[in-house]
């Protein structure tokens, strides 16, 4: 299963607006995307509430995974958002 480790760039972490933007992008992917805080239990990336329960703060590392055809592209799309400052 492909995975990618990225650091959360948003100053508020994956909370409120950044979580909503990431969830929207993840839900639009052709495969299910999951996110876990390093060492934690994966949650569905398409769920705003699940993303907020991760408690991923600015600078925290998260692991994005997906499985199936198009998994790499789905991971890249979600990772690009997480690595961006979505507060700006």
Protein backbone atom coordinates (compact mmCIF):
# COMPACT_ATOMS: atom_id res chain seq x y z
CA UNK A 1 0.00 0.00 0.00
CA UNK A 2 1.53 3.35 -1.01
CA UNK A 3 2.11 5.89 1.71
CA UNK A 4 3.66 9.30 2.13
CA UNK A 5 4.86 11.15 5.22
CA UNK A 6 4.34 14.90 5.29
CA UNK A 7 4.48 17.70 7.83
CA UNK A 8 1.43 19.82 8.56
CA UNK A 9 2.12 23.36 7.33
CA UNK A 10 -1.00 25.19 8.54
CA UNK A 11 -0.44 27.19 11.70
CA UNK A 12 -3.65 25.82 13.27
CA UNK A 13 -2.84 22.26 12.19
CA UNK A 14 -5.59 20.08 10.70
CA UNK A 15 -8.37 22.01 12.36
CA UNK A 16 -11.43 23.88 11.02
CA UNK A 17 -10.76 25.40 7.58
CA UNK A 18 -7.63 23.36 6.73
CA UNK A 19 -9.40 20.13 7.75
CA UNK A 20 -12.40 21.02 5.59
CA UNK A 21 -10.20 21.69 2.55
CA UNK A 22 -8.24 18.46 3.00
CA UNK A 23 -11.42 16.43 3.56
CA UNK A 24 -13.03 17.86 0.43
CA UNK A 25 -9.96 16.99 -1.67
CA UNK A 26 -9.72 13.48 -0.16
CA UNK A 27 -13.42 12.78 -0.72
CA UNK A 28 -13.04 13.76 -4.39
CA UNK A 29 -10.42 11.06 -4.99
CA UNK A 30 -11.32 7.80 -6.78
CA UNK A 31 -9.93 5.75 -3.86
CA UNK A 32 -10.31 5.94 -0.09
CA UNK A 33 -7.52 7.98 1.51
CA UNK A 34 -6.52 7.57 5.16
CA UNK A 35 -4.38 9.76 7.40
CA UNK A 36 -2.66 8.86 10.66
CA UNK A 37 -0.64 10.98 13.02
CA UNK A 38 2.76 9.29 13.18
CA UNK A 39 2.28 6.09 15.16
CA UNK A 40 -1.49 6.56 15.50
CA UNK A 41 -4.59 4.88 14.14
CA UNK A 42 -5.52 5.88 10.56
CA UNK A 43 -8.73 7.84 10.03
CA UNK A 44 -10.67 8.53 6.82
CA UNK A 45 -9.20 11.63 5.19
CA UNK A 46 -12.57 12.53 3.68
CA UNK A 47 -14.10 13.24 7.11
CA UNK A 48 -13.58 16.68 8.65
CA UNK A 49 -14.39 15.40 12.14
CA UNK A 50 -11.96 12.49 11.80
CA UNK A 51 -9.20 14.85 10.68
CA UNK A 52 -9.83 17.15 13.64
CA UNK A 53 -9.71 14.23 16.10
CA UNK A 54 -6.17 13.44 14.95
CA UNK A 55 -4.91 16.44 16.87
CA UNK A 56 -2.32 17.09 14.16
CA UNK A 57 -0.69 20.42 14.94
CA UNK A 58 1.62 22.66 12.91
CA UNK A 59 4.85 20.76 12.21
CA UNK A 60 3.46 17.33 13.14
CA UNK A 61 4.17 14.48 10.76
CA UNK A 62 1.22 12.57 9.31
CA UNK A 63 1.15 9.44 7.17
CA UNK A 64 -1.19 9.43 4.17
CA UNK A 65 -2.17 6.08 2.66
CA UNK A 66 -4.49 4.86 -0.09
CA UNK A 67 -5.03 1.61 -1.92
CA UNK A 68 -6.18 0.81 -5.42
CA UNK A 69 -5.86 2.26 -8.89
CA UNK A 70 -4.97 5.94 -8.63
CA UNK A 71 -3.68 5.67 -5.06
CA UNK A 72 -0.41 7.49 -5.76
CA UNK A 73 -2.18 10.44 -7.39
CA UNK A 74 -4.73 10.59 -4.56
CA UNK A 75 -1.96 10.63 -1.95
CA UNK A 76 -0.10 13.35 -3.86
CA UNK A 77 -3.22 15.54 -4.07
CA UNK A 78 -3.91 15.31 -0.33
CA UNK A 79 -0.23 15.65 0.62
CA UNK A 80 0.09 18.84 -1.43
CA UNK A 81 -2.68 20.47 0.60
CA UNK A 82 -1.32 19.33 3.97
CA UNK A 83 2.12 20.68 3.05
CA UNK A 84 0.57 24.06 2.15
CA UNK A 85 -0.22 26.87 4.56
CA UNK A 86 -4.01 26.72 4.23
CA UNK A 87 -4.43 29.62 6.67
CA UNK A 88 -3.06 32.16 4.18
